[in-house]
Amino acid sequence: MSETQDAPRTQIQVIDRAAKLLDVLAEDSGPDRLREIARAAGLSPSTARRILASLCSHGFCEQDDNGGYHLGLRLFELGSRVEAELDVRTRAWPILRRLTEETHLTTFICVRSEDRAIALDRIDGRYAFSLALKVGGSLPLHVGAGPVALLAFGPEEEARETLEELQPLRAYTERTPTEVDQIMELMARDRERGYVISDEDVTPGVAAIGMPIFGHPSSTRPMAAVSVAGLVTQVLGDRKEELINALRTAADEISISLGHGMGREEERHEISPFGGEVA
């Protein structure tokens, strides 16, 4: 077997070894000295030292003044992010289900990860059909109602920097905006009206409406976004305002469940426009 063929196997082996080292460091009262850590992980001291040095450089572990190794703050940050996303999904699911039942459309909860939006959950409605975003899938932040809501309702300068870093922006259809200044103008309009409309910018014939979800009151960035999607006539036709009201109610309820203030209290509806009381 050639060196080129061996390379993927070697890379996977390094990941496995790094995982073993992190598991050892995570043990209660586990070893913190190099030789003890290496022995517990079944590695040679030289191999353990090399991998630990790389993990430390990325913040996954730290070495104290006495030479001992400990888990790093980067793992805490990642764990907090995962916990937050799980909390969003758990709290949003019953509201998302009700929104699907009321509108008969497909609903989504998305969160931001770097320069993309990931679908945490998706509930297909009565008019379910193939859509670009599936659970665990992602879209860049310049297309789609949910992704754009995550970007538009955060700090404006940060949004511009993100778009410039994404250049060149991918055009999914002939209706996909790809110029930074144009997208910034569209997002300014979105912030003013309180929601984002995706009109065939990802998939021909498909539209969506999205709104931001906020968590802690001091946060200036959306914690997630909720959206409804369907055929253009279903989303942007006669029921458009009803959909916006139902989506606004859902977004407010999810935000409140995550600790945010009432926000748009004067716009909330105690009765769903599709019939039935709002919890």
Protein backbone atom coordinates (compact mmCIF):
# COMPACT_ATOMS: atom_id res chain seq x y z
CA MET A 1 0.00 0.00 0.00
CA SER A 2 1.36 3.44 -0.92
CA GLU A 3 2.03 6.33 1.49
CA THR A 4 -0.93 8.17 -0.07
CA GLN A 5 -3.24 5.26 0.77
CA ASP A 6 -1.78 5.04 4.29
CA ALA A 7 -2.42 8.74 5.02
CA PRO A 8 -6.19 8.55 5.75
CA ARG A 9 -5.68 5.57 8.07
CA THR A 10 -2.91 7.43 9.94
CA GLN A 11 -5.09 10.54 10.30
CA ILE A 12 -7.96 8.49 11.73
CA GLN A 13 -5.54 6.77 14.12
CA VAL A 14 -4.41 10.15 15.44
CA ILE A 15 -8.03 11.14 16.09
CA ASP A 16 -8.63 7.88 17.94
CA ARG A 17 -5.55 8.46 20.08
CA ALA A 18 -6.53 12.04 20.81
CA ALA A 19 -9.97 10.84 21.91
CA LYS A 20 -8.36 8.28 24.25
CA LEU A 21 -6.19 10.97 25.81
CA LEU A 22 -9.18 13.25 26.38
CA ASP A 23 -11.09 10.36 27.95
CA VAL A 24 -8.19 9.79 30.35
CA LEU A 25 -8.04 13.46 31.29
CA ALA A 26 -11.81 13.45 31.88
CA GLU A 27 -11.64 10.70 34.50
CA ASP A 28 -12.26 11.75 38.10
CA SER A 29 -8.93 11.82 39.97
CA GLY A 30 -7.32 10.56 36.78
CA PRO A 31 -3.61 10.89 35.99
CA ASP A 32 -2.25 14.26 34.98
CA ARG A 33 1.44 13.46 34.43
CA LEU A 34 2.62 12.56 30.96
CA ARG A 35 3.84 9.02 31.61
CA GLU A 36 0.75 8.10 33.62
CA ILE A 37 -1.57 9.56 30.97
CA ALA A 38 0.29 7.72 28.21
CA ARG A 39 0.11 4.42 30.10
CA ALA A 40 -3.63 4.81 30.77
CA ALA A 41 -4.25 5.57 27.08
CA GLY A 42 -2.06 2.71 25.87
CA LEU A 43 0.36 5.05 24.10
CA SER A 44 4.08 5.70 24.24
CA PRO A 45 5.13 8.87 26.14
CA SER A 46 6.51 10.42 22.95
CA THR A 47 3.27 9.87 21.04
CA ALA A 48 1.17 11.13 23.96
CA ARG A 49 3.36 14.23 24.30
CA ARG A 50 3.02 15.08 20.62
CA ILE A 51 -0.76 14.71 20.56
CA LEU A 52 -1.23 16.54 23.88
CA ALA A 53 0.84 19.45 22.55
CA SER A 54 -1.50 19.70 19.56
CA LEU A 55 -4.60 19.47 21.78
CA CYS A 56 -3.20 22.23 23.99
CA SER A 57 -2.56 24.46 20.99
CA HIS A 58 -6.27 24.21 20.13
CA GLY A 59 -7.44 24.76 23.70
CA PHE A 60 -8.75 21.22 24.21
CA CYS A 61 -6.35 20.68 27.10
CA GLU A 62 -3.95 22.77 29.18
CA GLN A 63 -0.61 22.17 30.89
CA ASP A 64 -0.10 23.74 34.30
CA ASP A 65 3.13 25.13 35.78
CA ASN A 66 3.93 21.76 37.34
CA GLY A 67 3.74 19.92 34.04
CA GLY A 68 0.33 18.36 34.63
CA TYR A 69 -2.31 18.15 31.91
CA HIS A 70 -5.99 19.06 32.32
CA LEU A 71 -9.01 19.50 30.06
CA GLY A 72 -9.16 22.92 28.41
CA LEU A 73 -11.79 25.63 28.22
CA ARG A 74 -12.43 24.95 24.53
CA LEU A 75 -14.22 21.74 25.52
CA PHE A 76 -16.39 23.71 27.95
CA GLU A 77 -17.30 26.14 25.17
CA LEU A 78 -18.23 23.33 22.80
CA GLY A 79 -20.16 21.50 25.50
CA SER A 80 -22.08 24.67 26.36
CA ARG A 81 -22.98 25.11 22.71
CA VAL A 82 -24.24 21.54 22.43
CA GLU A 83 -26.24 21.92 25.65
CA ALA A 84 -27.78 25.16 24.39
CA GLU A 85 -28.75 23.58 21.08
CA LEU A 86 -30.30 20.59 22.81
CA ASP A 87 -32.23 22.96 25.08
CA VAL A 88 -33.50 24.92 22.08
CA ARG A 89 -34.65 21.74 20.36
CA THR A 90 -36.35 20.37 23.48
CA ARG A 91 -38.20 23.58 24.26
CA ALA A 92 -39.08 24.39 20.67
CA TRP A 93 -40.41 20.99 19.62
CA PRO A 94 -43.98 21.18 21.01
CA ILE A 95 -44.37 24.73 19.67
CA LEU A 96 -42.95 23.69 16.32
CA ARG A 97 -45.35 20.75 16.18
CA ARG A 98 -48.32 23.02 16.91
CA LEU A 99 -47.15 25.47 14.24
CA THR A 100 -47.02 22.63 11.71
CA GLU A 101 -50.50 21.43 12.69
CA GLU A 102 -51.91 24.96 12.39
CA THR A 103 -50.32 25.89 9.09
CA HIS A 104 -50.02 22.43 7.45
CA LEU A 105 -46.59 23.60 6.25
CA THR A 106 -43.10 22.30 7.01
CA THR A 107 -41.47 24.02 9.97
CA PHE A 108 -37.81 24.33 10.95
CA ILE A 109 -35.61 25.32 13.88
CA CYS A 110 -32.12 26.43 12.82
CA VAL A 111 -29.04 27.47 14.78
CA ARG A 112 -25.87 29.12 13.58
CA SER A 113 -22.57 27.27 13.32
CA GLU A 114 -19.75 29.46 12.03
CA ASP A 115 -20.89 30.73 8.61
CA ARG A 116 -23.79 28.27 8.14
CA ALA A 117 -27.22 27.54 9.59
CA ILE A 118 -27.88 23.98 10.76
CA ALA A 119 -31.39 22.51 10.97
CA LEU A 120 -31.88 21.23 14.51
CA ASP A 121 -35.38 20.03 13.77
CA ARG A 122 -37.87 19.82 10.94
CA ILE A 123 -41.50 18.76 11.09
CA ASP A 124 -43.17 18.04 7.77
CA GLY A 125 -46.69 19.31 7.29
CA ARG A 126 -49.59 18.07 5.23
CA TYR A 127 -48.02 19.48 2.10
CA ALA A 128 -44.63 17.85 2.67
CA PHE A 129 -42.32 17.60 -0.31
CA SER A 130 -38.61 17.72 -1.02
CA LEU A 131 -36.90 20.76 0.50
CA ALA A 132 -33.23 21.76 0.48
CA LEU A 133 -32.79 21.65 4.26
CA LYS A 134 -33.00 18.41 6.24
CA VAL A 135 -32.33 17.75 9.94
CA GLY A 136 -28.59 18.02 10.45
CA GLY A 137 -28.17 19.67 7.07
CA SER A 138 -27.05 23.25 6.60
CA LEU A 139 -27.24 26.28 4.34
CA PRO A 140 -25.03 29.36 4.13
CA LEU A 141 -26.35 32.41 5.93
CA HIS A 142 -27.23 34.43 2.81
CA VAL A 143 -30.07 32.15 1.63
CA GLY A 144 -33.27 30.77 3.13
CA ALA A 145 -35.58 32.37 5.68
CA GLY A 146 -34.11 30.75 8.80
CA PRO A 147 -30.43 31.25 7.89
CA VAL A 148 -30.92 34.87 6.89
CA ALA A 149 -32.88 35.56 10.10
CA LEU A 150 -29.88 34.34 12.11
CA LEU A 151 -27.67 36.84 10.31
CA ALA A 152 -30.04 39.78 9.82
CA PHE A 153 -31.09 40.16 13.45
CA GLY A 154 -27.56 40.17 14.85
CA PRO A 155 -25.05 43.05 14.83
CA GLU A 156 -25.06 44.74 11.43
CA GLU A 157 -21.31 45.12 11.08
CA GLU A 158 -20.81 41.47 11.99
CA ALA A 159 -23.30 40.51 9.28
CA ARG A 160 -21.35 42.43 6.65
CA GLU A 161 -18.07 40.85 7.74
CA THR A 162 -19.64 37.39 7.52
CA LEU A 163 -20.95 38.03 4.00
CA GLU A 164 -17.59 39.37 2.83
CA GLU A 165 -15.83 36.29 4.22
CA LEU A 166 -18.29 34.08 2.31
CA GLN A 167 -17.40 35.66 -1.04
CA PRO A 168 -18.07 34.58 -3.68
CA LEU A 169 -21.63 33.91 -2.57
CA ARG A 170 -23.26 30.89 -4.17
CA ALA A 171 -26.32 31.41 -6.37
CA TYR A 172 -28.77 28.53 -5.85
CA THR A 173 -31.32 29.95 -8.30
CA GLU A 174 -31.62 33.00 -10.51
CA ARG A 175 -33.37 34.73 -7.59
CA THR A 176 -30.51 34.25 -5.10
CA PRO A 177 -28.99 37.60 -4.06
CA THR A 178 -25.19 37.40 -4.23
CA GLU A 179 -24.04 41.02 -3.84
CA VAL A 180 -23.13 42.05 -0.29
CA ASP A 181 -24.63 45.54 -0.50
CA GLN A 182 -27.89 44.18 -1.92
CA ILE A 183 -28.15 41.58 0.87
CA MET A 184 -27.42 44.20 3.52
CA GLU A 185 -30.27 46.36 2.15
CA LEU A 186 -32.64 43.39 2.16
CA MET A 187 -31.68 42.53 5.74
CA ALA A 188 -32.26 46.12 6.86
CA ARG A 189 -35.81 45.78 5.53
CA ASP A 190 -36.15 42.44 7.29
CA ARG A 191 -35.14 43.95 10.64
CA GLU A 192 -37.66 46.77 10.20
CA ARG A 193 -40.60 44.46 9.52
CA GLY A 194 -39.47 41.73 11.94
CA TYR A 195 -39.26 38.73 9.62
CA VAL A 196 -37.44 37.33 6.59
CA ILE A 197 -39.04 36.11 3.36
CA SER A 198 -37.26 33.58 1.17
CA ASP A 199 -38.85 33.70 -2.28
CA GLU A 200 -37.39 30.98 -4.51
CA ASP A 201 -33.81 31.92 -3.56
CA VAL A 202 -32.93 28.32 -2.60
CA THR A 203 -35.33 26.12 -4.57
CA PRO A 204 -37.53 27.16 -7.54
CA GLY A 205 -41.20 27.28 -6.59
CA VAL A 206 -40.51 27.24 -2.83
CA ALA A 207 -40.90 30.10 -0.35
CA ALA A 208 -40.40 30.45 3.39
CA ILE A 209 -40.86 32.95 6.22
CA GLY A 210 -38.42 33.07 9.11
CA MET A 211 -38.08 34.88 12.43
CA PRO A 212 -35.31 35.05 15.06
CA ILE A 213 -35.43 33.39 18.47
CA PHE A 214 -33.60 35.08 21.32
CA GLY A 215 -32.35 33.64 24.59
CA HIS A 216 -30.81 35.68 27.40
CA PRO A 217 -32.16 39.27 27.41
CA SER A 218 -28.63 40.72 27.24
CA SER A 219 -27.79 38.86 24.02
CA THR A 220 -27.63 40.89 20.80
CA ARG A 221 -27.62 37.79 18.60
CA PRO A 222 -30.41 35.34 17.82
CA MET A 223 -30.06 32.02 19.58
CA ALA A 224 -31.96 30.26 16.79
CA ALA A 225 -34.51 30.89 14.04
CA VAL A 226 -37.92 29.38 13.33
CA SER A 227 -39.41 29.20 9.86
CA VAL A 228 -42.25 27.78 7.78
CA ALA A 229 -41.78 26.63 4.18
CA GLY A 230 -43.94 25.47 1.30
CA LEU A 231 -44.88 26.26 -2.25
CA VAL A 232 -44.86 29.96 -3.12
CA THR A 233 -48.66 30.06 -3.42
CA GLN A 234 -49.04 28.43 0.02
CA VAL A 235 -46.64 30.78 1.80
CA LEU A 236 -46.93 34.12 -0.01
CA GLY A 237 -50.55 33.88 -1.16
CA ASP A 238 -53.74 34.85 0.66
CA ARG A 239 -52.58 33.30 3.95
CA LYS A 240 -49.32 35.24 4.17
CA GLU A 241 -50.39 37.55 7.03
CA GLU A 242 -51.90 34.64 8.95
CA LEU A 243 -48.65 32.74 8.63
CA ILE A 244 -46.66 35.73 9.85
CA ASN A 245 -48.89 36.07 12.92
CA ALA A 246 -48.68 32.36 13.73
CA LEU A 247 -44.91 32.38 13.25
CA ARG A 248 -44.54 35.49 15.42
CA THR A 249 -46.48 33.81 18.23
CA ALA A 250 -44.27 30.70 17.97
CA ALA A 251 -41.06 32.73 17.91
CA ASP A 252 -42.11 34.72 20.97
CA GLU A 253 -43.11 31.62 22.91
CA ILE A 254 -39.84 29.83 22.18
CA SER A 255 -37.84 32.95 23.09
CA ILE A 256 -39.72 33.32 26.37
CA SER A 257 -39.15 29.64 27.20
CA LEU A 258 -35.41 30.27 26.73
CA GLY A 259 -35.41 33.22 29.14
CA HIS A 260 -35.95 36.16 26.82
CA GLY A 261 -38.37 39.02 27.55
CA MET A 262 -41.77 39.24 25.91
CA GLY A 263 -40.33 41.47 23.19
CA ARG A 264 -43.16 42.12 20.72
CA GLU A 265 -45.89 41.81 23.35
CA GLU A 266 -48.25 44.18 21.64
CA GLU A 267 -48.15 42.01 18.54
CA ARG A 268 -48.90 38.68 20.23
CA HIS A 269 -52.19 36.93 19.62
CA GLU A 270 -54.04 35.00 22.28
CA ILE A 271 -55.99 33.17 19.58
CA SER A 272 -54.20 31.54 16.66
CA PRO A 273 -55.32 32.89 13.26
CA PHE A 274 -55.76 29.28 12.21
CA GLY A 275 -58.12 28.54 15.10
CA GLY A 276 -57.45 27.28 18.62
CA GLU A 277 -56.08 28.91 21.70
CA VAL A 278 -52.39 29.77 22.03
CA ALA A 279 -50.83 28.19 25.10
